[in-house]
Amino acid sequence: MTQTLATIRNVILEGIHQIAPEAELESLQDDAEFRRELEIDSFDFLRLLVFVNERLKVDFPETDYGGLTSVSKLVSYVSRKLLPSSPVG
């Protein structure tokens, strides 16, 4: 399946919704630190990464966790793994 930035973002938001169903995703800024904004603990963060891994087949080494602090950073990370020629930051 060909992935686009929009589909990657949608999968991430779907994962966030799975672990924090009460979150108002419409008001979540893409560059906001979603763990702090949504009060997501470490376990839920790992559940999000497992969800994204299962849907998009992207591995997340533990050494990279610290850089995955916002939706935009997570989209960028996943897009670099899936779309190597993507110019995304």
N, C-alpha and C. Protein backbone atom coordinates (compact mmCIF):
# COMPACT_ATOMS: atom_id res chain seq x y z
N MET A 1 0.84 -1.17 0.00
CA MET A 1 0.00 0.00 0.00
C MET A 1 0.89 1.24 0.00
N THR A 2 0.61 2.16 -0.88
CA THR A 2 1.35 3.41 -0.94
C THR A 2 0.83 4.34 0.16
N GLN A 3 1.76 4.89 0.91
CA GLN A 3 1.40 5.79 2.00
C GLN A 3 1.67 7.23 1.59
N THR A 4 0.83 8.12 2.06
CA THR A 4 1.04 9.55 1.87
C THR A 4 1.16 10.18 3.26
N LEU A 5 1.62 11.40 3.29
CA LEU A 5 1.72 12.09 4.58
C LEU A 5 0.36 12.16 5.27
N ALA A 6 -0.70 12.37 4.49
CA ALA A 6 -2.04 12.45 5.07
C ALA A 6 -2.47 11.12 5.67
N THR A 7 -2.18 10.01 4.99
CA THR A 7 -2.58 8.71 5.54
C THR A 7 -1.74 8.37 6.77
N ILE A 8 -0.47 8.73 6.75
CA ILE A 8 0.39 8.51 7.92
C ILE A 8 -0.16 9.29 9.10
N ARG A 9 -0.49 10.56 8.88
CA ARG A 9 -1.03 11.40 9.95
C ARG A 9 -2.35 10.83 10.47
N ASN A 10 -3.20 10.36 9.57
CA ASN A 10 -4.49 9.80 9.98
C ASN A 10 -4.31 8.54 10.83
N VAL A 11 -3.36 7.69 10.48
CA VAL A 11 -3.09 6.49 11.28
C VAL A 11 -2.61 6.90 12.68
N ILE A 12 -1.73 7.88 12.75
CA ILE A 12 -1.24 8.35 14.05
C ILE A 12 -2.38 8.91 14.89
N LEU A 13 -3.22 9.72 14.29
CA LEU A 13 -4.36 10.28 15.03
C LEU A 13 -5.33 9.19 15.45
N GLU A 14 -5.52 8.18 14.61
CA GLU A 14 -6.37 7.05 14.97
C GLU A 14 -5.78 6.32 16.18
N GLY A 15 -4.46 6.15 16.18
CA GLY A 15 -3.80 5.52 17.31
C GLY A 15 -3.94 6.33 18.58
N ILE A 16 -3.80 7.64 18.47
CA ILE A 16 -3.98 8.50 19.64
C ILE A 16 -5.41 8.39 20.15
N HIS A 17 -6.35 8.35 19.24
CA HIS A 17 -7.76 8.19 19.63
C HIS A 17 -7.99 6.87 20.35
N GLN A 18 -7.30 5.82 19.91
CA GLN A 18 -7.44 4.51 20.55
C GLN A 18 -6.98 4.54 22.01
N ILE A 19 -5.89 5.26 22.27
CA ILE A 19 -5.35 5.27 23.63
C ILE A 19 -5.90 6.41 24.49
N ALA A 20 -6.45 7.43 23.84
CA ALA A 20 -7.02 8.57 24.57
C ALA A 20 -8.32 8.98 23.90
N PRO A 21 -9.36 8.14 24.02
CA PRO A 21 -10.61 8.40 23.29
C PRO A 21 -11.30 9.71 23.68
N GLU A 22 -10.99 10.22 24.87
CA GLU A 22 -11.61 11.47 25.31
C GLU A 22 -10.91 12.70 24.74
N ALA A 23 -9.76 12.51 24.11
CA ALA A 23 -8.98 13.64 23.58
C ALA A 23 -9.71 14.32 22.44
N GLU A 24 -9.64 15.63 22.44
CA GLU A 24 -10.22 16.42 21.36
C GLU A 24 -9.13 16.64 20.32
N LEU A 25 -9.04 15.70 19.38
CA LEU A 25 -7.96 15.73 18.40
C LEU A 25 -8.05 16.92 17.46
N GLU A 26 -9.24 17.46 17.28
CA GLU A 26 -9.41 18.61 16.39
C GLU A 26 -8.65 19.83 16.92
N SER A 27 -8.50 19.91 18.24
CA SER A 27 -7.82 21.07 18.82
C SER A 27 -6.34 20.81 19.09
N LEU A 28 -5.87 19.59 18.83
CA LEU A 28 -4.46 19.25 19.06
C LEU A 28 -3.61 19.81 17.93
N GLN A 29 -2.70 20.71 18.27
CA GLN A 29 -1.79 21.27 17.28
C GLN A 29 -0.77 20.20 16.89
N ASP A 30 -0.43 20.12 15.60
CA ASP A 30 0.51 19.11 15.13
C ASP A 30 1.89 19.23 15.79
N ASP A 31 2.27 20.44 16.20
CA ASP A 31 3.59 20.61 16.80
C ASP A 31 3.56 20.61 18.34
N ALA A 32 2.38 20.38 18.91
CA ALA A 32 2.26 20.32 20.38
C ALA A 32 2.82 19.00 20.89
N GLU A 33 3.41 19.02 22.07
CA GLU A 33 3.90 17.79 22.69
C GLU A 33 2.68 17.01 23.17
N PHE A 34 2.27 16.04 22.34
CA PHE A 34 0.99 15.38 22.59
C PHE A 34 0.98 14.57 23.89
N ARG A 35 2.11 14.03 24.33
CA ARG A 35 2.11 13.28 25.58
C ARG A 35 1.74 14.18 26.75
N ARG A 36 2.26 15.40 26.74
CA ARG A 36 1.95 16.35 27.82
C ARG A 36 0.54 16.90 27.64
N GLU A 37 0.21 17.30 26.42
CA GLU A 37 -1.10 17.89 26.15
C GLU A 37 -2.25 16.94 26.49
N LEU A 38 -2.06 15.66 26.17
CA LEU A 38 -3.12 14.69 26.36
C LEU A 38 -2.92 13.82 27.60
N GLU A 39 -1.87 14.13 28.37
CA GLU A 39 -1.54 13.39 29.58
C GLU A 39 -1.41 11.89 29.30
N ILE A 40 -0.63 11.58 28.27
CA ILE A 40 -0.38 10.19 27.88
C ILE A 40 0.86 9.71 28.63
N ASP A 41 0.71 8.60 29.34
CA ASP A 41 1.85 8.08 30.08
C ASP A 41 2.73 7.21 29.17
N SER A 42 3.83 6.72 29.72
CA SER A 42 4.79 5.94 28.93
C SER A 42 4.17 4.68 28.34
N PHE A 43 3.34 4.02 29.10
CA PHE A 43 2.70 2.80 28.60
C PHE A 43 1.80 3.11 27.40
N ASP A 44 1.01 4.17 27.52
CA ASP A 44 0.13 4.55 26.40
C ASP A 44 0.93 5.00 25.19
N PHE A 45 2.05 5.66 25.42
CA PHE A 45 2.93 6.05 24.32
C PHE A 45 3.42 4.81 23.58
N LEU A 46 3.82 3.79 24.33
CA LEU A 46 4.25 2.53 23.71
C LEU A 46 3.11 1.87 22.95
N ARG A 47 1.91 1.93 23.51
CA ARG A 47 0.74 1.39 22.80
C ARG A 47 0.52 2.12 21.48
N LEU A 48 0.73 3.42 21.45
CA LEU A 48 0.62 4.20 20.21
C LEU A 48 1.64 3.72 19.19
N LEU A 49 2.88 3.54 19.63
CA LEU A 49 3.92 3.09 18.70
C LEU A 49 3.63 1.68 18.19
N VAL A 50 3.09 0.81 19.04
CA VAL A 50 2.72 -0.54 18.59
C VAL A 50 1.59 -0.44 17.56
N PHE A 51 0.61 0.42 17.81
CA PHE A 51 -0.48 0.62 16.86
C PHE A 51 0.04 1.06 15.50
N VAL A 52 0.91 2.06 15.50
CA VAL A 52 1.47 2.57 14.24
C VAL A 52 2.31 1.49 13.57
N ASN A 53 3.07 0.75 14.35
CA ASN A 53 3.88 -0.35 13.81
C ASN A 53 2.99 -1.39 13.14
N GLU A 54 1.91 -1.76 13.79
CA GLU A 54 1.01 -2.78 13.22
C GLU A 54 0.33 -2.29 11.95
N ARG A 55 -0.02 -1.03 11.91
CA ARG A 55 -0.72 -0.49 10.74
C ARG A 55 0.22 -0.15 9.59
N LEU A 56 1.40 0.39 9.90
CA LEU A 56 2.28 0.89 8.85
C LEU A 56 3.59 0.12 8.71
N LYS A 57 3.80 -0.84 9.60
CA LYS A 57 5.01 -1.69 9.54
C LYS A 57 6.29 -0.88 9.70
N VAL A 58 6.29 0.05 10.62
CA VAL A 58 7.47 0.87 10.91
C VAL A 58 7.96 0.51 12.31
N ASP A 59 9.24 0.21 12.44
CA ASP A 59 9.82 -0.09 13.74
C ASP A 59 10.31 1.20 14.39
N PHE A 60 10.22 1.21 15.72
CA PHE A 60 10.64 2.37 16.50
C PHE A 60 11.67 1.91 17.53
N PRO A 61 12.96 2.08 17.24
CA PRO A 61 13.96 1.75 18.24
C PRO A 61 13.79 2.65 19.47
N GLU A 62 14.04 2.09 20.63
CA GLU A 62 13.87 2.84 21.88
C GLU A 62 14.71 4.12 21.89
N THR A 63 15.84 4.10 21.21
CA THR A 63 16.71 5.28 21.17
C THR A 63 16.05 6.46 20.47
N ASP A 64 15.00 6.21 19.67
CA ASP A 64 14.32 7.28 18.94
C ASP A 64 13.11 7.84 19.67
N TYR A 65 12.69 7.22 20.77
CA TYR A 65 11.48 7.64 21.47
C TYR A 65 11.50 9.12 21.85
N GLY A 66 12.61 9.61 22.32
CA GLY A 66 12.71 10.98 22.80
C GLY A 66 12.42 12.03 21.74
N GLY A 67 12.61 11.70 20.48
CA GLY A 67 12.35 12.65 19.40
C GLY A 67 10.94 12.60 18.86
N LEU A 68 10.12 11.70 19.39
CA LEU A 68 8.77 11.51 18.87
C LEU A 68 7.77 12.18 19.81
N THR A 69 7.87 13.50 19.90
CA THR A 69 7.12 14.23 20.92
C THR A 69 5.86 14.92 20.40
N SER A 70 5.69 15.01 19.11
CA SER A 70 4.51 15.68 18.56
C SER A 70 4.01 14.90 17.36
N VAL A 71 2.80 15.20 16.96
CA VAL A 71 2.23 14.54 15.78
C VAL A 71 3.12 14.82 14.57
N SER A 72 3.55 16.07 14.41
CA SER A 72 4.35 16.40 13.23
C SER A 72 5.69 15.66 13.24
N LYS A 73 6.31 15.52 14.41
CA LYS A 73 7.58 14.79 14.48
C LYS A 73 7.38 13.31 14.22
N LEU A 74 6.28 12.77 14.69
CA LEU A 74 5.99 11.36 14.44
C LEU A 74 5.67 11.12 12.97
N VAL A 75 4.91 12.02 12.36
CA VAL A 75 4.63 11.92 10.92
C VAL A 75 5.93 11.99 10.13
N SER A 76 6.78 12.92 10.48
CA SER A 76 8.06 13.09 9.79
C SER A 76 8.91 11.83 9.91
N TYR A 77 8.98 11.28 11.11
CA TYR A 77 9.78 10.07 11.37
C TYR A 77 9.27 8.91 10.52
N VAL A 78 7.96 8.68 10.58
CA VAL A 78 7.37 7.56 9.84
C VAL A 78 7.53 7.78 8.34
N SER A 79 7.34 9.01 7.88
CA SER A 79 7.45 9.27 6.44
C SER A 79 8.88 9.02 5.95
N ARG A 80 9.88 9.34 6.77
CA ARG A 80 11.26 9.05 6.37
C ARG A 80 11.50 7.55 6.25
N LYS A 81 10.82 6.78 7.06
CA LYS A 81 10.96 5.32 7.00
C LYS A 81 10.22 4.73 5.80
N LEU A 82 9.06 5.30 5.50
CA LEU A 82 8.22 4.75 4.42
C LEU A 82 8.44 5.43 3.08
N LEU A 83 8.81 6.70 3.10
CA LEU A 83 8.99 7.48 1.89
C LEU A 83 10.38 8.06 1.89
N PRO A 84 11.40 7.22 1.69
CA PRO A 84 12.79 7.69 1.84
C PRO A 84 13.15 8.91 1.01
N SER A 85 12.47 9.12 -0.09
CA SER A 85 12.80 10.29 -0.91
C SER A 85 12.01 11.52 -0.51
N SER A 86 11.18 11.40 0.54
CA SER A 86 10.35 12.51 0.99
C SER A 86 11.22 13.63 1.55
N PRO A 87 10.93 14.88 1.18
CA PRO A 87 11.71 16.01 1.69
C PRO A 87 11.27 16.47 3.07
N VAL A 88 10.42 15.70 3.76
CA VAL A 88 9.89 16.10 5.06
C VAL A 88 11.01 16.10 6.08
N GLY A 89 11.08 17.21 6.88
CA GLY A 89 12.05 17.51 7.89
C GLY A 89 12.51 16.41 8.73
